[in-house]
């Protein structure tokens, strides 16, 4: 899951979807997708950092 969360394709898709929602005027969709993406990256990114420090 950490590879998916940290991939450029996932970031691109989240950015495109946020832009799409923004152009439609749906700010709740824009904020939701960005928050979900940021929480996912933060959650799996911190687990990745901890595992690299232990080795």
PDB file of N, CA and C in Angstrom:
ATOM      1  N   UNK A   1       0.820  -1.196   0.000  1.00  0.00           N
ATOM      2  CA  UNK A   1       0.000   0.000   0.000  1.00  0.00           C
ATOM      3  C   UNK A   1       0.860   1.254   0.000  1.00  0.00           C
ATOM      4  N   UNK A   2       2.037   1.208   0.606  1.00  0.00           N
ATOM      5  CA  UNK A   2       2.874   2.408   0.657  1.00  0.00           C
ATOM      6  C   UNK A   2       3.377   2.790  -0.729  1.00  0.00           C
ATOM      7  N   UNK A   3       3.573   1.798  -1.609  1.00  0.00           N
ATOM      8  CA  UNK A   3       3.989   2.129  -2.977  1.00  0.00           C
ATOM      9  C   UNK A   3       2.878   2.855  -3.711  1.00  0.00           C
ATOM     10  N   UNK A   4       1.642   2.462  -3.472  1.00  0.00           N
ATOM     11  CA  UNK A   4       0.508   3.126  -4.107  1.00  0.00           C
ATOM     12  C   UNK A   4       0.350   4.537  -3.547  1.00  0.00           C
ATOM     13  N   UNK A   5       0.492   4.688  -2.236  1.00  0.00           N
ATOM     14  CA  UNK A   5       0.314   5.999  -1.610  1.00  0.00           C
ATOM     15  C   UNK A   5       1.403   6.973  -2.030  1.00  0.00           C
ATOM     16  N   UNK A   6       2.595   6.483  -2.280  1.00  0.00           N
ATOM     17  CA  UNK A   6       3.703   7.360  -2.623  1.00  0.00           C
ATOM     18  C   UNK A   6       3.964   7.448  -4.120  1.00  0.00           C
ATOM     19  N   UNK A   7       3.071   6.906  -4.953  1.00  0.00           N
ATOM     20  CA  UNK A   7       3.327   6.909  -6.380  1.00  0.00           C
ATOM     21  C   UNK A   7       2.935   8.248  -7.007  1.00  0.00           C
ATOM     22  N   UNK A   8       3.601   8.559  -8.100  1.00  0.00           N
ATOM     23  CA  UNK A   8       3.297   9.790  -8.821  1.00  0.00           C
ATOM     24  C   UNK A   8       1.956   9.706  -9.516  1.00  0.00           C
ATOM     25  N   UNK A   9       1.596   8.511  -9.960  1.00  0.00           N
ATOM     26  CA  UNK A   9       0.317   8.337 -10.637  1.00  0.00           C
ATOM     27  C   UNK A   9      -0.841   8.640  -9.689  1.00  0.00           C
ATOM     28  N   UNK A  10      -0.755   8.181  -8.457  1.00  0.00           N
ATOM     29  CA  UNK A  10      -1.797   8.454  -7.473  1.00  0.00           C
ATOM     30  C   UNK A  10      -1.887   9.944  -7.187  1.00  0.00           C
ATOM     31  N   UNK A  11      -0.747  10.604  -7.072  1.00  0.00           N
ATOM     32  CA  UNK A  11      -0.741  12.052  -6.849  1.00  0.00           C
ATOM     33  C   UNK A  11      -1.355  12.786  -8.037  1.00  0.00           C
ATOM     34  N   UNK A  12      -1.039  12.328  -9.240  1.00  0.00           N
ATOM     35  CA  UNK A  12      -1.588  12.949 -10.438  1.00  0.00           C
ATOM     36  C   UNK A  12      -3.099  12.777 -10.502  1.00  0.00           C
ATOM     37  N   UNK A  13      -3.577  11.570 -10.223  1.00  0.00           N
ATOM     38  CA  UNK A  13      -5.022  11.311 -10.260  1.00  0.00           C
ATOM     39  C   UNK A  13      -5.744  12.138  -9.196  1.00  0.00           C
ATOM     40  N   UNK A  14      -5.181  12.223  -8.009  1.00  0.00           N
ATOM     41  CA  UNK A  14      -5.806  13.034  -6.958  1.00  0.00           C
ATOM     42  C   UNK A  14      -5.831  14.502  -7.357  1.00  0.00           C
ATOM     43  N   UNK A  15      -4.757  14.991  -7.975  1.00  0.00           N
ATOM     44  CA  UNK A  15      -4.707  16.375  -8.416  1.00  0.00           C
ATOM     45  C   UNK A  15      -5.696  16.661  -9.528  1.00  0.00           C
ATOM     46  N   UNK A  16      -5.815  15.750 -10.486  1.00  0.00           N
ATOM     47  CA  UNK A  16      -6.778  15.919 -11.578  1.00  0.00           C
ATOM     48  C   UNK A  16      -8.201  15.908 -11.042  1.00  0.00           C
ATOM     49  N   UNK A  17      -8.474  14.991 -10.132  1.00  0.00           N
ATOM     50  CA  UNK A  17      -9.823  14.920  -9.573  1.00  0.00           C
ATOM     51  C   UNK A  17     -10.141  16.173  -8.757  1.00  0.00           C
ATOM     52  N   UNK A  18      -9.181  16.662  -7.988  1.00  0.00           N
ATOM     53  CA  UNK A  18      -9.390  17.882  -7.214  1.00  0.00           C
ATOM     54  C   UNK A  18      -9.630  19.067  -8.141  1.00  0.00           C
ATOM     55  N   UNK A  19      -8.883  19.154  -9.229  1.00  0.00           N
ATOM     56  CA  UNK A  19      -9.064  20.237 -10.193  1.00  0.00           C
ATOM     57  C   UNK A  19     -10.429  20.138 -10.868  1.00  0.00           C
ATOM     58  N   UNK A  20     -10.837  18.917 -11.200  1.00  0.00           N
ATOM     59  CA  UNK A  20     -12.149  18.694 -11.805  1.00  0.00           C
ATOM     60  C   UNK A  20     -13.262  19.157 -10.861  1.00  0.00           C
ATOM     61  N   UNK A  21     -13.170  18.769  -9.615  1.00  0.00           N
ATOM     62  CA  UNK A  21     -14.181  19.188  -8.643  1.00  0.00           C
ATOM     63  C   UNK A  21     -14.168  20.708  -8.463  1.00  0.00           C
ATOM     64  N   UNK A  22     -12.977  21.297  -8.484  1.00  0.00           N
ATOM     65  CA  UNK A  22     -12.853  22.749  -8.341  1.00  0.00           C
ATOM     66  C   UNK A  22     -13.499  23.476  -9.508  1.00  0.00           C
ATOM     67  N   UNK A  23     -13.302  22.961 -10.732  1.00  0.00           N
ATOM     68  CA  UNK A  23     -13.898  23.622 -11.891  1.00  0.00           C
ATOM     69  C   UNK A  23     -15.419  23.509 -11.895  1.00  0.00           C
ATOM     70  N   UNK A  24     -15.960  22.470 -11.282  1.00  0.00           N
ATOM     71  CA  UNK A  24     -17.409  22.336 -11.163  1.00  0.00           C
ATOM     72  C   UNK A  24     -17.972  23.148 -10.006  1.00  0.00           C
ATOM     73  N   UNK A  25     -17.087  23.682  -9.170  1.00  0.00           N
ATOM     74  CA  UNK A  25     -17.536  24.459  -8.023  1.00  0.00           C
ATOM     75  C   UNK A  25     -17.833  23.618  -6.801  1.00  0.00           C
ATOM     76  N   UNK A  26     -17.435  22.380  -6.817  1.00  0.00           N
ATOM     77  CA  UNK A  26     -17.681  21.473  -5.697  1.00  0.00           C
ATOM     78  C   UNK A  26     -16.471  21.476  -4.766  1.00  0.00           C
ATOM     79  N   UNK A  27     -16.390  22.468  -3.926  1.00  0.00           N
ATOM     80  CA  UNK A  27     -15.225  22.602  -3.049  1.00  0.00           C
ATOM     81  C   UNK A  27     -15.150  21.496  -2.006  1.00  0.00           C
ATOM     82  N   UNK A  28     -16.284  20.910  -1.627  1.00  0.00           N
ATOM     83  CA  UNK A  28     -16.239  19.820  -0.658  1.00  0.00           C
ATOM     84  C   UNK A  28     -15.550  18.594  -1.247  1.00  0.00           C
ATOM     85  N   UNK A  29     -15.753  18.334  -2.537  1.00  0.00           N
ATOM     86  CA  UNK A  29     -15.055  17.227  -3.186  1.00  0.00           C
ATOM     87  C   UNK A  29     -13.569  17.484  -3.306  1.00  0.00           C
ATOM     88  N   UNK A  30     -13.219  18.734  -3.602  1.00  0.00           N
ATOM     89  CA  UNK A  30     -11.811  19.108  -3.722  1.00  0.00           C
ATOM     90  C   UNK A  30     -11.088  18.928  -2.397  1.00  0.00           C
ATOM     91  N   UNK A  31     -11.668  19.451  -1.353  1.00  0.00           N
ATOM     92  CA  UNK A  31     -11.038  19.374  -0.030  1.00  0.00           C
ATOM     93  C   UNK A  31     -10.990  17.934   0.456  1.00  0.00           C
ATOM     94  N   UNK A  32     -12.043  17.169   0.211  1.00  0.00           N
ATOM     95  CA  UNK A  32     -12.091  15.778   0.665  1.00  0.00           C
ATOM     96  C   UNK A  32     -11.006  14.935   0.016  1.00  0.00           C
ATOM     97  N   UNK A  33     -10.867  15.022  -1.322  1.00  0.00           N
ATOM     98  CA  UNK A  33      -9.866  14.184  -1.993  1.00  0.00           C
ATOM     99  C   UNK A  33      -8.457  14.585  -1.579  1.00  0.00           C
ATOM    100  N   UNK A  34      -8.220  15.877  -1.394  1.00  0.00           N
ATOM    101  CA  UNK A  34      -6.891  16.307  -0.962  1.00  0.00           C
ATOM    102  C   UNK A  34      -6.590  15.854   0.457  1.00  0.00           C
ATOM    103  N   UNK A  35      -7.565  15.946   1.347  1.00  0.00           N
ATOM    104  CA  UNK A  35      -7.343  15.497   2.723  1.00  0.00           C
ATOM    105  C   UNK A  35      -7.123  13.987   2.792  1.00  0.00           C
ATOM    106  N   UNK A  36      -7.913  13.219   2.046  1.00  0.00           N
ATOM    107  CA  UNK A  36      -7.734  11.767   2.039  1.00  0.00           C
ATOM    108  C   UNK A  36      -6.350  11.411   1.512  1.00  0.00           C
ATOM    109  N   UNK A  37      -5.939  12.078   0.436  1.00  0.00           N
ATOM    110  CA  UNK A  37      -4.618  11.802  -0.130  1.00  0.00           C
ATOM    111  C   UNK A  37      -3.504  12.184   0.850  1.00  0.00           C
ATOM    112  N   UNK A  38      -3.604  13.349   1.461  1.00  0.00           N
ATOM    113  CA  UNK A  38      -2.567  13.783   2.399  1.00  0.00           C
ATOM    114  C   UNK A  38      -2.490  12.890   3.632  1.00  0.00           C
ATOM    115  N   UNK A  39      -3.629  12.476   4.152  1.00  0.00           N
ATOM    116  CA  UNK A  39      -3.630  11.575   5.307  1.00  0.00           C
ATOM    117  C   UNK A  39      -3.030  10.224   4.931  1.00  0.00           C
ATOM    118  N   UNK A  40      -3.348   9.732   3.741  1.00  0.00           N
ATOM    119  CA  UNK A  40      -2.796   8.452   3.282  1.00  0.00           C
ATOM    120  C   UNK A  40      -1.283   8.537   3.141  1.00  0.00           C
ATOM    121  N   UNK A  41      -0.802   9.593   2.502  1.00  0.00           N
ATOM    122  CA  UNK A  41       0.646   9.754   2.325  1.00  0.00           C
ATOM    123  C   UNK A  41       1.323   9.935   3.677  1.00  0.00           C
ATOM    124  N   UNK A  42       0.725  10.715   4.552  1.00  0.00           N
ATOM    125  CA  UNK A  42       1.322  10.944   5.865  1.00  0.00           C
ATOM    126  C   UNK A  42       1.354   9.649   6.672  1.00  0.00           C
ATOM    127  N   UNK A  43       0.266   8.892   6.621  1.00  0.00           N
ATOM    128  CA  UNK A  43       0.172   7.654   7.388  1.00  0.00           C
ATOM    129  C   UNK A  43       1.185   6.617   6.900  1.00  0.00           C
ATOM    130  N   UNK A  44       1.214   6.361   5.611  1.00  0.00           N
ATOM    131  CA  UNK A  44       2.115   5.349   5.079  1.00  0.00           C
ATOM    132  C   UNK A  44       3.538   5.866   4.942  1.00  0.00           C
ATOM    133  N   UNK A  45       3.697   7.175   4.808  1.00  0.00           N
ATOM    134  CA  UNK A  45       5.036   7.745   4.753  1.00  0.00           C
ATOM    135  C   UNK A  45       5.744   7.663   6.089  1.00  0.00           C
ATOM    136  N   UNK A  46       4.998   7.863   7.186  1.00  0.00           N
ATOM    137  CA  UNK A  46       5.613   7.783   8.508  1.00  0.00           C
ATOM    138  C   UNK A  46       5.977   6.344   8.857  1.00  0.00           C
ATOM    139  N   UNK A  47       5.185   5.378   8.401  1.00  0.00           N
ATOM    140  CA  UNK A  47       5.524   3.975   8.632  1.00  0.00           C
ATOM    141  C   UNK A  47       6.772   3.588   7.846  1.00  0.00           C
ATOM    142  N   UNK A  48       6.921   4.151   6.665  1.00  0.00           N
ATOM    143  CA  UNK A  48       8.098   3.874   5.846  1.00  0.00           C
ATOM    144  C   UNK A  48       9.350   4.446   6.509  1.00  0.00           C
ATOM    145  N   UNK A  49       9.249   5.648   7.064  1.00  0.00           N
ATOM    146  CA  UNK A  49      10.389   6.269   7.726  1.00  0.00           C
ATOM    147  C   UNK A  49      10.823   5.481   8.958  1.00  0.00           C
ATOM    148  N   UNK A  50       9.867   4.985   9.722  1.00  0.00           N
ATOM    149  CA  UNK A  50      10.179   4.220  10.923  1.00  0.00           C
ATOM    150  C   UNK A  50      10.878   2.918  10.552  1.00  0.00           C
ATOM    151  N   UNK A  51      10.405   2.254   9.507  1.00  0.00           N
ATOM    152  CA  UNK A  51      11.008   0.974   9.130  1.00  0.00           C
ATOM    153  C   UNK A  51      12.421   1.159   8.583  1.00  0.00           C
ATOM    154  N   UNK A  52      12.706   2.272   7.928  1.00  0.00           N
ATOM    155  CA  UNK A  52      14.059   2.489   7.413  1.00  0.00           C
ATOM    156  C   UNK A  52      15.015   2.871   8.527  1.00  0.00           C
ATOM    157  N   UNK A  53      14.514   3.482   9.566  1.00  0.00           N
ATOM    158  CA  UNK A  53      15.387   3.857  10.693  1.00  0.00           C
ATOM    159  C   UNK A  53      15.798   2.657  11.531  1.00  0.00           C
ATOM    160  N   UNK A  54      14.948   1.646  11.578  1.00  0.00           N
ATOM    161  CA  UNK A  54      15.234   0.486  12.416  1.00  0.00           C
ATOM    162  C   UNK A  54      16.315  -0.398  11.822  1.00  0.00           C
ATOM    163  N   UNK A  55      16.513  -0.352  10.518  1.00  0.00           N
ATOM    164  CA  UNK A  55      17.480  -1.248   9.880  1.00  0.00           C
ATOM    165  C   UNK A  55      18.827  -0.629   9.771  1.00  0.00           C
TER     166      UNK A  55
END
